[in-house]
Amino acid sequence: MAEIKKKSNIEIERNPIERFLMYVKDFLKSNRKKAAYSAVFILALFFLLLTVNLLLTRSSEKEMVRLEIIIDNHHYGD
C-alpha cells in the first residue's frame, strides 16, 4: 500500500512586534546589498556628525576661555 504524505500548513500567530521584526528580517534578506550600503552610510553619517559636534564643542570652549580672560582683564584693570 502506498504511503500518503500529508502536507500540513501550520499558521503561526504572531503578535504585532514579532510580525514587524519578521517583516524587517524578510526585507533585509531580499535586499541585502541595499541594506548593507544603507548601514554603512548611516554609520558614516553618525561618525561625521559626532566629529562635527566634538569640533564645535572644542571651539566653543576655547572661545569661552578667551571671553573669561577678557572679562577678568577688564574687571581687574590689568
N, C-alpha and C. Protein backbone atom coordinates (compact mmCIF):
# COMPACT_ATOMS: atom_id res chain seq x y z
N MET A 1 0.84 -1.16 0.00
CA MET A 1 0.00 0.00 0.00
C MET A 1 0.90 1.24 0.00
N ALA A 2 0.58 2.19 -0.79
CA ALA A 2 1.36 3.41 -0.90
C ALA A 2 1.09 4.32 0.29
N GLU A 3 2.18 4.94 0.73
CA GLU A 3 2.03 5.87 1.85
C GLU A 3 1.51 7.21 1.33
N ILE A 4 0.59 7.74 2.04
CA ILE A 4 0.03 9.02 1.67
C ILE A 4 0.69 10.08 2.57
N LYS A 5 1.36 11.00 1.92
CA LYS A 5 2.03 12.07 2.68
C LYS A 5 1.11 13.28 2.71
N LYS A 6 0.85 13.71 3.90
CA LYS A 6 0.03 14.90 4.06
C LYS A 6 0.94 16.08 4.35
N LYS A 7 0.69 17.13 3.67
CA LYS A 7 1.44 18.35 3.90
C LYS A 7 0.58 19.25 4.76
N SER A 8 1.05 19.52 5.92
CA SER A 8 0.24 20.37 6.80
C SER A 8 0.75 21.81 6.74
N ASN A 9 -0.15 22.70 6.61
CA ASN A 9 0.19 24.12 6.63
C ASN A 9 -0.10 24.64 8.03
N ILE A 10 0.97 24.92 8.71
CA ILE A 10 0.83 25.42 10.08
C ILE A 10 0.97 26.93 10.03
N GLU A 11 -0.02 27.59 10.49
CA GLU A 11 0.00 29.05 10.54
C GLU A 11 0.33 29.47 11.96
N ILE A 12 1.40 30.22 12.11
CA ILE A 12 1.82 30.67 13.43
C ILE A 12 1.24 32.05 13.67
N GLU A 13 0.57 32.21 14.77
CA GLU A 13 0.04 33.52 15.13
C GLU A 13 1.13 34.30 15.87
N ARG A 14 1.38 35.49 15.39
CA ARG A 14 2.42 36.33 15.99
C ARG A 14 1.80 37.64 16.43
N ASN A 15 2.40 38.18 17.49
CA ASN A 15 1.93 39.49 17.92
C ASN A 15 2.50 40.55 16.98
N PRO A 16 2.04 41.79 17.08
CA PRO A 16 2.46 42.84 16.12
C PRO A 16 3.98 43.08 16.11
N ILE A 17 4.62 42.99 17.24
CA ILE A 17 6.07 43.22 17.28
C ILE A 17 6.79 42.11 16.53
N GLU A 18 6.40 40.88 16.76
CA GLU A 18 7.02 39.77 16.05
C GLU A 18 6.78 39.86 14.55
N ARG A 19 5.57 40.24 14.16
CA ARG A 19 5.28 40.40 12.74
C ARG A 19 6.16 41.48 12.11
N PHE A 20 6.32 42.58 12.82
CA PHE A 20 7.17 43.66 12.31
C PHE A 20 8.61 43.18 12.16
N LEU A 21 9.12 42.50 13.19
CA LEU A 21 10.50 42.02 13.13
C LEU A 21 10.69 40.99 12.01
N MET A 22 9.71 40.13 11.80
CA MET A 22 9.79 39.16 10.71
C MET A 22 9.74 39.87 9.36
N TYR A 23 8.94 40.92 9.25
CA TYR A 23 8.89 41.70 8.02
C TYR A 23 10.25 42.34 7.74
N VAL A 24 10.85 42.93 8.78
CA VAL A 24 12.17 43.56 8.62
C VAL A 24 13.20 42.51 8.21
N LYS A 25 13.17 41.36 8.85
CA LYS A 25 14.11 40.29 8.52
C LYS A 25 13.95 39.85 7.06
N ASP A 26 12.73 39.64 6.63
CA ASP A 26 12.49 39.23 5.24
C ASP A 26 12.91 40.32 4.26
N PHE A 27 12.63 41.57 4.62
CA PHE A 27 13.03 42.69 3.76
C PHE A 27 14.54 42.76 3.62
N LEU A 28 15.26 42.60 4.75
CA LEU A 28 16.72 42.66 4.72
C LEU A 28 17.30 41.49 3.95
N LYS A 29 16.68 40.32 4.07
CA LYS A 29 17.16 39.17 3.31
C LYS A 29 17.01 39.40 1.81
N SER A 30 15.91 39.98 1.40
CA SER A 30 15.67 40.18 -0.03
C SER A 30 16.43 41.38 -0.60
N ASN A 31 16.88 42.28 0.25
CA ASN A 31 17.59 43.49 -0.20
C ASN A 31 18.93 43.63 0.53
N ARG A 32 19.72 42.59 0.54
CA ARG A 32 20.98 42.59 1.30
C ARG A 32 21.92 43.72 0.89
N LYS A 33 22.11 43.89 -0.40
CA LYS A 33 23.08 44.88 -0.88
C LYS A 33 22.66 46.30 -0.48
N LYS A 34 21.39 46.63 -0.71
CA LYS A 34 20.90 47.96 -0.34
C LYS A 34 20.97 48.17 1.17
N ALA A 35 20.65 47.13 1.92
CA ALA A 35 20.68 47.23 3.38
C ALA A 35 22.12 47.45 3.87
N ALA A 36 23.07 46.77 3.27
CA ALA A 36 24.47 46.93 3.66
C ALA A 36 24.95 48.34 3.35
N TYR A 37 24.65 48.83 2.14
CA TYR A 37 25.04 50.20 1.79
C TYR A 37 24.38 51.22 2.71
N SER A 38 23.13 51.00 3.03
CA SER A 38 22.43 51.92 3.93
C SER A 38 23.04 51.91 5.32
N ALA A 39 23.39 50.75 5.82
CA ALA A 39 24.00 50.66 7.15
C ALA A 39 25.35 51.37 7.17
N VAL A 40 26.15 51.18 6.14
CA VAL A 40 27.46 51.86 6.07
C VAL A 40 27.25 53.37 5.98
N PHE A 41 26.30 53.80 5.18
CA PHE A 41 26.02 55.23 5.05
C PHE A 41 25.56 55.83 6.38
N ILE A 42 24.68 55.14 7.07
CA ILE A 42 24.18 55.64 8.36
C ILE A 42 25.31 55.72 9.38
N LEU A 43 26.17 54.71 9.43
CA LEU A 43 27.31 54.75 10.36
C LEU A 43 28.27 55.88 10.02
N ALA A 44 28.55 56.07 8.73
CA ALA A 44 29.45 57.15 8.32
C ALA A 44 28.84 58.51 8.68
N LEU A 45 27.55 58.66 8.45
CA LEU A 45 26.87 59.91 8.80
C LEU A 45 26.91 60.15 10.31
N PHE A 46 26.70 59.10 11.08
CA PHE A 46 26.75 59.21 12.54
C PHE A 46 28.12 59.68 13.01
N PHE A 47 29.20 59.06 12.48
CA PHE A 47 30.54 59.45 12.89
C PHE A 47 30.89 60.85 12.40
N LEU A 48 30.40 61.24 11.25
CA LEU A 48 30.64 62.59 10.76
C LEU A 48 29.96 63.62 11.68
N LEU A 49 28.72 63.37 12.04
CA LEU A 49 28.00 64.29 12.93
C LEU A 49 28.64 64.34 14.31
N LEU A 50 29.12 63.20 14.79
CA LEU A 50 29.80 63.16 16.09
C LEU A 50 31.09 63.98 16.04
N THR A 51 31.84 63.86 14.96
CA THR A 51 33.08 64.62 14.81
C THR A 51 32.80 66.12 14.75
N VAL A 52 31.81 66.51 13.98
CA VAL A 52 31.45 67.93 13.87
C VAL A 52 31.03 68.47 15.23
N ASN A 53 30.24 67.69 15.96
CA ASN A 53 29.81 68.10 17.30
C ASN A 53 31.00 68.30 18.23
N LEU A 54 31.94 67.36 18.21
CA LEU A 54 33.12 67.49 19.07
C LEU A 54 33.96 68.71 18.70
N LEU A 55 34.14 68.95 17.40
CA LEU A 55 34.93 70.11 16.97
C LEU A 55 34.25 71.43 17.36
N LEU A 56 32.95 71.50 17.20
CA LEU A 56 32.24 72.72 17.59
C LEU A 56 32.27 72.93 19.09
N THR A 57 32.17 71.86 19.86
CA THR A 57 32.22 71.97 21.31
C THR A 57 33.60 72.47 21.76
N ARG A 58 34.64 71.91 21.15
CA ARG A 58 36.00 72.34 21.50
C ARG A 58 36.21 73.81 21.15
N SER A 59 35.74 74.22 19.99
CA SER A 59 35.87 75.62 19.57
C SER A 59 35.10 76.53 20.53
N SER A 60 33.92 76.12 20.92
CA SER A 60 33.12 76.91 21.84
C SER A 60 33.81 77.05 23.19
N GLU A 61 34.41 75.97 23.67
CA GLU A 61 35.11 76.03 24.96
C GLU A 61 36.30 76.98 24.89
N LYS A 62 37.04 76.95 23.76
CA LYS A 62 38.17 77.86 23.60
C LYS A 62 37.71 79.32 23.59
N GLU A 63 36.61 79.59 22.91
CA GLU A 63 36.07 80.94 22.88
C GLU A 63 35.60 81.38 24.26
N MET A 64 35.03 80.46 25.03
CA MET A 64 34.59 80.78 26.39
C MET A 64 35.78 81.15 27.27
N VAL A 65 36.88 80.43 27.13
CA VAL A 65 38.09 80.73 27.91
C VAL A 65 38.61 82.12 27.52
N ARG A 66 38.64 82.42 26.23
CA ARG A 66 39.10 83.74 25.79
C ARG A 66 38.21 84.85 26.36
N LEU A 67 36.90 84.62 26.35
CA LEU A 67 35.97 85.61 26.87
C LEU A 67 36.18 85.81 28.37
N GLU A 68 36.40 84.74 29.11
CA GLU A 68 36.64 84.87 30.54
C GLU A 68 37.92 85.64 30.83
N ILE A 69 38.95 85.41 30.03
CA ILE A 69 40.21 86.15 30.20
C ILE A 69 39.98 87.63 29.94
N ILE A 70 39.24 87.97 28.89
CA ILE A 70 38.96 89.38 28.56
C ILE A 70 38.15 90.02 29.68
N ILE A 71 37.14 89.32 30.19
CA ILE A 71 36.32 89.87 31.27
C ILE A 71 37.15 90.07 32.53
N ASP A 72 38.00 89.10 32.86
CA ASP A 72 38.85 89.24 34.04
C ASP A 72 39.81 90.41 33.89
N ASN A 73 40.41 90.56 32.71
CA ASN A 73 41.34 91.68 32.48
C ASN A 73 40.59 93.01 32.60
N HIS A 74 39.40 93.07 32.07
CA HIS A 74 38.62 94.31 32.14
C HIS A 74 38.18 94.59 33.59
N HIS A 75 37.80 93.57 34.29
CA HIS A 75 37.29 93.73 35.65
C HIS A 75 38.39 94.14 36.61
N TYR A 76 39.58 93.55 36.48
CA TYR A 76 40.66 93.83 37.41
C TYR A 76 41.60 94.92 36.90
N GLY A 77 41.40 95.39 35.69
CA GLY A 77 42.13 96.52 35.16
C GLY A 77 43.58 96.24 34.87
N ASP A 78 43.93 95.08 34.36
CA ASP A 78 45.33 94.78 34.03
C ASP A 78 45.79 95.59 32.91
